Amino acid sequence: MNLEQSINNFTQILYPALLETIYMSFISTLLGFIIAIIPGILLSVWDKGGLCENKKAYMILDFFVNIIRSFPFIILIIALMPLTRLIVGTSIGTSAVIVPLTLGIAPFLAKVIEAAFKEVDKSIIEAAKSYGASNTQIIFKVFFVESLPSLINGLTLTLIVVVGFSAMAGTVGGGGLGDVAIRYGYERFNTGIMIETIIVLLLLVQIIQVFGNFLYKRSKK
């Protein structure tokens, strides 16, 4: 495949698909994080040694979070098709895939939040308590602030996972780079465009990682 053909493939096929992948991945991660905030906080404060230790409540919530996390993403897409149609009006396409992506990634992000909060130095929490800070103030003014670097690391890793999930969604008409790989690469036996798709995906992941590392270093200052 010559250079001119590669440029045409990128501008006509790969670039629009790349924008779809970025759209799906970033929106799903953002919505997933918003959904994950409450269960993530509850997992942290209900666990042993937490602000409001509650073993039974923690075990129940942790069980449900782990159940959802265990679903293979391709099965989750199919299982959530009725809900996707209800919310978006269709079960195929870029916007439709955001529904299972969001619900599939939210449990991972809840565990990311829980793990990040558990890394906060206990002495900082005790100092906040000694100044009369309420549990709500400790959660939003201590946990979120002190755990920001860990949250950024977790979000970066999650976003990379979501990029992979969005590519997988191409197998069921989800659009994006995965759809290009299936329709133009696999089904038409076009090795060149398959290789180009992989390169674009690798570059996207690298850019996300570099940007995540940059934000992590800034948050540590």
C-alpha atoms as a PDB file:
ATOM      1  CA  MET A   1       0.000   0.000   0.000  1.00  0.00           C
ATOM      2  CA  ASN A   2       1.468   3.352  -1.073  1.00  0.00           C
ATOM      3  CA  LEU A   3       1.637   6.540   0.973  1.00  0.00           C
ATOM      4  CA  GLU A   4      -1.177   8.236  -0.958  1.00  0.00           C
ATOM      5  CA  GLN A   5      -3.526   5.313  -0.294  1.00  0.00           C
ATOM      6  CA  SER A   6      -2.615   5.344   3.409  1.00  0.00           C
ATOM      7  CA  ILE A   7      -3.370   9.079   3.637  1.00  0.00           C
ATOM      8  CA  ASN A   8      -6.719   8.558   1.894  1.00  0.00           C
ATOM      9  CA  ASN A   9      -7.570   5.707   4.277  1.00  0.00           C
ATOM     10  CA  PHE A  10      -6.794   7.913   7.261  1.00  0.00           C
ATOM     11  CA  THR A  11      -8.725  10.982   6.116  1.00  0.00           C
ATOM     12  CA  GLN A  12     -11.759   9.113   4.770  1.00  0.00           C
ATOM     13  CA  ILE A  13     -12.049   6.109   7.099  1.00  0.00           C
ATOM     14  CA  LEU A  14      -9.714   6.128  10.091  1.00  0.00           C
ATOM     15  CA  TYR A  15     -10.003   9.777  11.180  1.00  0.00           C
ATOM     16  CA  PRO A  16     -13.826   9.756  11.518  1.00  0.00           C
ATOM     17  CA  ALA A  17     -13.582   6.407  13.323  1.00  0.00           C
ATOM     18  CA  LEU A  18     -10.896   7.812  15.637  1.00  0.00           C
ATOM     19  CA  LEU A  19     -13.189  10.709  16.577  1.00  0.00           C
ATOM     20  CA  GLU A  20     -15.991   8.219  17.301  1.00  0.00           C
ATOM     21  CA  THR A  21     -13.661   6.163  19.528  1.00  0.00           C
ATOM     22  CA  ILE A  22     -12.524   9.270  21.433  1.00  0.00           C
ATOM     23  CA  TYR A  23     -16.149  10.391  21.835  1.00  0.00           C
ATOM     24  CA  MET A  24     -17.297   6.986  23.115  1.00  0.00           C
ATOM     25  CA  SER A  25     -14.341   6.508  25.435  1.00  0.00           C
ATOM     26  CA  PHE A  26     -14.212   9.929  27.069  1.00  0.00           C
ATOM     27  CA  ILE A  27     -17.984  10.338  27.527  1.00  0.00           C
ATOM     28  CA  SER A  28     -18.340   6.791  28.926  1.00  0.00           C
ATOM     29  CA  THR A  29     -15.453   7.277  31.363  1.00  0.00           C
ATOM     30  CA  LEU A  30     -16.848  10.626  32.538  1.00  0.00           C
ATOM     31  CA  LEU A  31     -20.381   9.268  33.033  1.00  0.00           C
ATOM     32  CA  GLY A  32     -19.011   6.082  34.605  1.00  0.00           C
ATOM     33  CA  PHE A  33     -16.994   8.123  37.098  1.00  0.00           C
ATOM     34  CA  ILE A  34     -20.059  10.193  38.051  1.00  0.00           C
ATOM     35  CA  ILE A  35     -22.073   6.991  38.642  1.00  0.00           C
ATOM     36  CA  ALA A  36     -19.149   5.424  40.559  1.00  0.00           C
ATOM     37  CA  ILE A  37     -18.679   8.288  43.044  1.00  0.00           C
ATOM     38  CA  ILE A  38     -21.409   7.219  45.496  1.00  0.00           C
ATOM     39  CA  PRO A  39     -20.627   3.453  45.567  1.00  0.00           C
ATOM     40  CA  GLY A  40     -16.896   4.242  45.633  1.00  0.00           C
ATOM     41  CA  ILE A  41     -17.326   6.500  48.675  1.00  0.00           C
ATOM     42  CA  LEU A  42     -19.576   3.963  50.416  1.00  0.00           C
ATOM     43  CA  LEU A  43     -17.112   1.123  49.811  1.00  0.00           C
ATOM     44  CA  SER A  44     -14.375   3.249  51.363  1.00  0.00           C
ATOM     45  CA  VAL A  45     -16.248   4.462  54.451  1.00  0.00           C
ATOM     46  CA  TRP A  46     -18.014   1.153  55.157  1.00  0.00           C
ATOM     47  CA  ASP A  47     -14.870  -0.984  54.982  1.00  0.00           C
ATOM     48  CA  LYS A  48     -12.933  -2.053  58.064  1.00  0.00           C
ATOM     49  CA  GLY A  49     -11.377   1.007  59.675  1.00  0.00           C
ATOM     50  CA  GLY A  50     -13.469   3.370  57.531  1.00  0.00           C
ATOM     51  CA  LEU A  51     -15.261   6.503  58.690  1.00  0.00           C
ATOM     52  CA  CYS A  52     -18.563   4.630  59.126  1.00  0.00           C
ATOM     53  CA  GLU A  53     -17.479   1.011  59.372  1.00  0.00           C
ATOM     54  CA  ASN A  54     -20.316  -1.343  58.404  1.00  0.00           C
ATOM     55  CA  LYS A  55     -19.169  -4.858  57.572  1.00  0.00           C
ATOM     56  CA  LYS A  56     -22.521  -6.193  56.367  1.00  0.00           C
ATOM     57  CA  ALA A  57     -23.297  -3.207  54.129  1.00  0.00           C
ATOM     58  CA  TYR A  58     -19.770  -3.306  52.696  1.00  0.00           C
ATOM     59  CA  MET A  59     -20.013  -7.025  51.870  1.00  0.00           C
ATOM     60  CA  ILE A  60     -23.366  -6.569  50.091  1.00  0.00           C
ATOM     61  CA  LEU A  61     -22.249  -3.573  48.031  1.00  0.00           C
ATOM     62  CA  ASP A  62     -18.857  -5.139  47.251  1.00  0.00           C
ATOM     63  CA  PHE A  63     -20.622  -8.319  46.097  1.00  0.00           C
ATOM     64  CA  PHE A  64     -22.842  -6.449  43.635  1.00  0.00           C
ATOM     65  CA  VAL A  65     -19.945  -4.337  42.333  1.00  0.00           C
ATOM     66  CA  ASN A  66     -17.879  -7.472  41.735  1.00  0.00           C
ATOM     67  CA  ILE A  67     -20.800  -9.246  40.032  1.00  0.00           C
ATOM     68  CA  ILE A  68     -21.149  -6.417  37.491  1.00  0.00           C
ATOM     69  CA  ARG A  69     -17.357  -6.267  37.033  1.00  0.00           C
ATOM     70  CA  SER A  70     -17.272  -9.970  36.170  1.00  0.00           C
ATOM     71  CA  PHE A  71     -19.516  -9.598  33.089  1.00  0.00           C
ATOM     72  CA  PRO A  72     -17.584  -9.912  29.804  1.00  0.00           C
ATOM     73  CA  PHE A  73     -18.163  -6.650  27.949  1.00  0.00           C
ATOM     74  CA  ILE A  74     -19.460  -8.227  24.742  1.00  0.00           C
ATOM     75  CA  ILE A  75     -22.158 -10.040  26.758  1.00  0.00           C
ATOM     76  CA  LEU A  76     -22.983  -6.849  28.641  1.00  0.00           C
ATOM     77  CA  ILE A  77     -23.640  -5.037  25.348  1.00  0.00           C
ATOM     78  CA  ILE A  78     -26.159  -7.704  24.319  1.00  0.00           C
ATOM     79  CA  ALA A  79     -27.754  -7.973  27.776  1.00  0.00           C
ATOM     80  CA  LEU A  80     -28.280  -4.199  27.966  1.00  0.00           C
ATOM     81  CA  MET A  81     -29.738  -3.809  24.469  1.00  0.00           C
ATOM     82  CA  PRO A  82     -33.328  -3.273  25.742  1.00  0.00           C
ATOM     83  CA  LEU A  83     -32.107  -0.584  28.173  1.00  0.00           C
ATOM     84  CA  THR A  84     -29.964   0.984  25.447  1.00  0.00           C
ATOM     85  CA  ARG A  85     -32.977   1.178  23.103  1.00  0.00           C
ATOM     86  CA  LEU A  86     -35.025   2.741  25.892  1.00  0.00           C
ATOM     87  CA  ILE A  87     -32.411   5.435  26.603  1.00  0.00           C
ATOM     88  CA  VAL A  88     -30.993   6.157  23.139  1.00  0.00           C
ATOM     89  CA  GLY A  89     -33.710   4.848  20.836  1.00  0.00           C
ATOM     90  CA  THR A  90     -31.412   2.346  19.124  1.00  0.00           C
ATOM     91  CA  SER A  91     -29.090  -0.484  20.149  1.00  0.00           C
ATOM     92  CA  ILE A  92     -26.433   0.108  17.480  1.00  0.00           C
ATOM     93  CA  GLY A  93     -24.164   3.026  16.719  1.00  0.00           C
ATOM     94  CA  THR A  94     -21.670   5.167  18.601  1.00  0.00           C
ATOM     95  CA  SER A  95     -24.113   6.822  21.028  1.00  0.00           C
ATOM     96  CA  ALA A  96     -25.793   3.494  21.818  1.00  0.00           C
ATOM     97  CA  VAL A  97     -22.493   1.895  22.871  1.00  0.00           C
ATOM     98  CA  ILE A  98     -21.989   4.616  25.496  1.00  0.00           C
ATOM     99  CA  VAL A  99     -24.744   3.038  27.645  1.00  0.00           C
ATOM    100  CA  PRO A 100     -23.107  -0.406  28.167  1.00  0.00           C
ATOM    101  CA  LEU A 101     -19.649   1.198  28.247  1.00  0.00           C
ATOM    102  CA  THR A 102     -20.722   3.533  31.059  1.00  0.00           C
ATOM    103  CA  LEU A 103     -22.489   0.854  33.091  1.00  0.00           C
ATOM    104  CA  GLY A 104     -19.708  -1.648  32.463  1.00  0.00           C
ATOM    105  CA  ILE A 105     -16.909   0.675  33.570  1.00  0.00           C
ATOM    106  CA  ALA A 106     -18.674   2.257  36.592  1.00  0.00           C
ATOM    107  CA  PRO A 107     -17.924  -0.728  38.935  1.00  0.00           C
ATOM    108  CA  PHE A 108     -14.217  -0.580  37.987  1.00  0.00           C
ATOM    109  CA  LEU A 109     -14.181   3.124  38.791  1.00  0.00           C
ATOM    110  CA  ALA A 110     -15.957   2.516  42.108  1.00  0.00           C
ATOM    111  CA  LYS A 111     -13.090   0.201  43.095  1.00  0.00           C
ATOM    112  CA  VAL A 112     -10.576   2.789  41.824  1.00  0.00           C
ATOM    113  CA  ILE A 113     -12.145   5.411  44.109  1.00  0.00           C
ATOM    114  CA  GLU A 114     -12.203   2.980  47.033  1.00  0.00           C
ATOM    115  CA  ALA A 115      -8.523   2.070  46.548  1.00  0.00           C
ATOM    116  CA  ALA A 116      -7.494   5.724  46.152  1.00  0.00           C
ATOM    117  CA  PHE A 117      -9.297   6.758  49.342  1.00  0.00           C
ATOM    118  CA  LYS A 118      -7.673   3.925  51.298  1.00  0.00           C
ATOM    119  CA  GLU A 119      -4.236   5.281  50.366  1.00  0.00           C
ATOM    120  CA  VAL A 120      -4.902   8.585  52.158  1.00  0.00           C
ATOM    121  CA  ASP A 121      -2.652   8.939  55.204  1.00  0.00           C
ATOM    122  CA  LYS A 122      -4.611   8.123  58.381  1.00  0.00           C
ATOM    123  CA  SER A 123      -2.836  10.913  60.245  1.00  0.00           C
ATOM    124  CA  ILE A 124      -4.349  13.496  57.882  1.00  0.00           C
ATOM    125  CA  ILE A 125      -7.819  12.081  58.540  1.00  0.00           C
ATOM    126  CA  GLU A 126      -7.244  12.140  62.308  1.00  0.00           C
ATOM    127  CA  ALA A 127      -5.996  15.743  62.076  1.00  0.00           C
ATOM    128  CA  ALA A 128      -9.153  16.727  60.195  1.00  0.00           C
ATOM    129  CA  LYS A 129     -11.295  15.051  62.863  1.00  0.00           C
ATOM    130  CA  SER A 130      -9.446  16.866  65.623  1.00  0.00           C
ATOM    131  CA  TYR A 131     -10.345  20.170  63.948  1.00  0.00           C
ATOM    132  CA  GLY A 132     -14.005  19.179  64.075  1.00  0.00           C
ATOM    133  CA  ALA A 133     -14.449  18.224  60.419  1.00  0.00           C
ATOM    134  CA  SER A 134     -17.575  16.191  59.702  1.00  0.00           C
ATOM    135  CA  ASN A 135     -17.458  12.933  57.745  1.00  0.00           C
ATOM    136  CA  THR A 136     -18.835  14.717  54.681  1.00  0.00           C
ATOM    137  CA  GLN A 137     -16.112  17.367  54.904  1.00  0.00           C
ATOM    138  CA  ILE A 138     -13.451  14.696  55.316  1.00  0.00           C
ATOM    139  CA  ILE A 139     -14.724  12.847  52.232  1.00  0.00           C
ATOM    140  CA  PHE A 140     -14.870  15.863  49.918  1.00  0.00           C
ATOM    141  CA  LYS A 141     -12.106  18.064  51.350  1.00  0.00           C
ATOM    142  CA  VAL A 142      -9.594  15.441  52.474  1.00  0.00           C
ATOM    143  CA  PHE A 143     -10.173  12.181  50.584  1.00  0.00           C
ATOM    144  CA  PHE A 144     -10.712  13.681  47.140  1.00  0.00           C
ATOM    145  CA  VAL A 145      -7.897  16.214  47.511  1.00  0.00           C
ATOM    146  CA  GLU A 146      -5.300  13.865  49.000  1.00  0.00           C
ATOM    147  CA  SER A 147      -6.145  10.971  46.675  1.00  0.00           C
ATOM    148  CA  LEU A 148      -6.135  13.065  43.476  1.00  0.00           C
ATOM    149  CA  PRO A 149      -2.869  11.579  42.073  1.00  0.00           C
ATOM    150  CA  SER A 150      -4.173   8.036  42.626  1.00  0.00           C
ATOM    151  CA  LEU A 151      -7.530   8.953  41.077  1.00  0.00           C
ATOM    152  CA  ILE A 152      -5.784  10.378  38.006  1.00  0.00           C
ATOM    153  CA  ASN A 153      -3.726   7.194  37.642  1.00  0.00           C
ATOM    154  CA  GLY A 154      -6.858   5.074  37.991  1.00  0.00           C
ATOM    155  CA  LEU A 155      -8.819   7.180  35.497  1.00  0.00           C
ATOM    156  CA  THR A 156      -5.964   7.007  32.980  1.00  0.00           C
ATOM    157  CA  LEU A 157      -5.831   3.215  33.228  1.00  0.00           C
ATOM    158  CA  THR A 158      -9.633   3.000  33.019  1.00  0.00           C
ATOM    159  CA  LEU A 159      -9.768   5.243  29.952  1.00  0.00           C
ATOM    160  CA  ILE A 160      -7.257   2.977  28.196  1.00  0.00           C
ATOM    161  CA  VAL A 161      -9.409  -0.049  29.083  1.00  0.00           C
ATOM    162  CA  VAL A 162     -12.495   1.757  27.732  1.00  0.00           C
ATOM    163  CA  VAL A 163     -10.666   2.414  24.431  1.00  0.00           C
ATOM    164  CA  GLY A 164     -10.171  -1.359  24.190  1.00  0.00           C
ATOM    165  CA  PHE A 165     -13.827  -1.990  25.068  1.00  0.00           C
ATOM    166  CA  SER A 166     -14.974   0.544  22.450  1.00  0.00           C
ATOM    167  CA  ALA A 167     -12.900  -1.263  19.835  1.00  0.00           C
ATOM    168  CA  MET A 168     -14.582  -4.515  20.881  1.00  0.00           C
ATOM    169  CA  ALA A 169     -17.963  -2.828  20.415  1.00  0.00           C
ATOM    170  CA  GLY A 170     -17.185  -2.600  16.708  1.00  0.00           C
ATOM    171  CA  THR A 171     -18.070  -6.299  16.419  1.00  0.00           C
ATOM    172  CA  VAL A 172     -21.739  -5.444  17.091  1.00  0.00           C
ATOM    173  CA  GLY A 173     -21.975  -2.277  15.017  1.00  0.00           C
ATOM    174  CA  GLY A 174     -20.732   0.098  17.675  1.00  0.00           C
ATOM    175  CA  GLY A 175     -18.723   2.287  15.298  1.00  0.00           C
ATOM    176  CA  GLY A 176     -15.230   3.607  15.933  1.00  0.00           C
ATOM    177  CA  LEU A 177     -11.895   1.986  15.142  1.00  0.00           C
ATOM    178  CA  GLY A 178     -13.113  -1.492  16.053  1.00  0.00           C
ATOM    179  CA  ASP A 179     -15.828  -1.228  13.429  1.00  0.00           C
ATOM    180  CA  VAL A 180     -13.239  -0.176  10.826  1.00  0.00           C
ATOM    181  CA  ALA A 181     -11.023  -3.133  11.728  1.00  0.00           C
ATOM    182  CA  ILE A 182     -13.955  -5.545  11.329  1.00  0.00           C
ATOM    183  CA  ARG A 183     -15.637  -4.098   8.214  1.00  0.00           C
ATOM    184  CA  TYR A 184     -12.644  -2.879   6.216  1.00  0.00           C
ATOM    185  CA  GLY A 185      -9.844  -5.056   7.579  1.00  0.00           C
ATOM    186  CA  TYR A 186     -11.221  -8.463   8.530  1.00  0.00           C
ATOM    187  CA  GLU A 187     -14.281  -8.845   6.271  1.00  0.00           C
ATOM    188  CA  ARG A 188     -12.519  -7.445   3.184  1.00  0.00           C
ATOM    189  CA  PHE A 189      -9.188  -9.152   3.938  1.00  0.00           C
ATOM    190  CA  ASN A 190      -7.464  -5.764   3.836  1.00  0.00           C
ATOM    191  CA  THR A 191      -4.303  -6.293   5.887  1.00  0.00           C
ATOM    192  CA  GLY A 192      -3.076  -2.750   5.217  1.00  0.00           C
ATOM    193  CA  ILE A 193      -6.037  -0.995   6.811  1.00  0.00           C
ATOM    194  CA  MET A 194      -6.004  -3.482   9.695  1.00  0.00           C
ATOM    195  CA  ILE A 195      -2.374  -2.551  10.433  1.00  0.00           C
ATOM    196  CA  GLU A 196      -3.186   1.160  10.132  1.00  0.00           C
ATOM    197  CA  THR A 197      -6.087   0.763  12.576  1.00  0.00           C
ATOM    198  CA  ILE A 198      -3.822  -0.966  15.102  1.00  0.00           C
ATOM    199  CA  ILE A 199      -1.226   1.806  14.753  1.00  0.00           C
ATOM    200  CA  VAL A 200      -3.861   4.507  15.344  1.00  0.00           C
ATOM    201  CA  LEU A 201      -5.135   2.653  18.429  1.00  0.00           C
ATOM    202  CA  LEU A 202      -1.606   2.282  19.802  1.00  0.00           C
ATOM    203  CA  LEU A 203      -0.910   5.975  19.270  1.00  0.00           C
ATOM    204  CA  LEU A 204      -4.186   6.922  20.966  1.00  0.00           C
ATOM    205  CA  VAL A 205      -3.335   4.786  24.010  1.00  0.00           C
ATOM    206  CA  GLN A 206       0.163   6.294  24.181  1.00  0.00           C
ATOM    207  CA  ILE A 207      -1.210   9.849  24.040  1.00  0.00           C
ATOM    208  CA  ILE A 208      -3.702   9.081  26.820  1.00  0.00           C
ATOM    209  CA  GLN A 209      -0.922   7.577  28.967  1.00  0.00           C
ATOM    210  CA  VAL A 210       1.456  10.514  28.396  1.00  0.00           C
ATOM    211  CA  PHE A 211      -1.287  13.029  29.207  1.00  0.00           C
ATOM    212  CA  GLY A 212      -2.288  11.005  32.290  1.00  0.00           C
ATOM    213  CA  ASN A 213       1.330  10.937  33.493  1.00  0.00           C
ATOM    214  CA  PHE A 214       1.548  14.711  32.976  1.00  0.00           C
ATOM    215  CA  LEU A 215      -1.583  15.313  35.067  1.00  0.00           C
ATOM    216  CA  TYR A 216      -0.325  12.897  37.733  1.00  0.00           C
ATOM    217  CA  LYS A 217       2.975  14.785  38.088  1.00  0.00           C
ATOM    218  CA  ARG A 218       1.149  18.133  38.224  1.00  0.00           C
ATOM    219  CA  SER A 219      -1.188  16.862  40.956  1.00  0.00           C
ATOM    220  CA  LYS A 220       1.781  15.701  43.070  1.00  0.00           C
ATOM    221  CA  LYS A 221       3.242  19.224  43.245  1.00  0.00           C
END
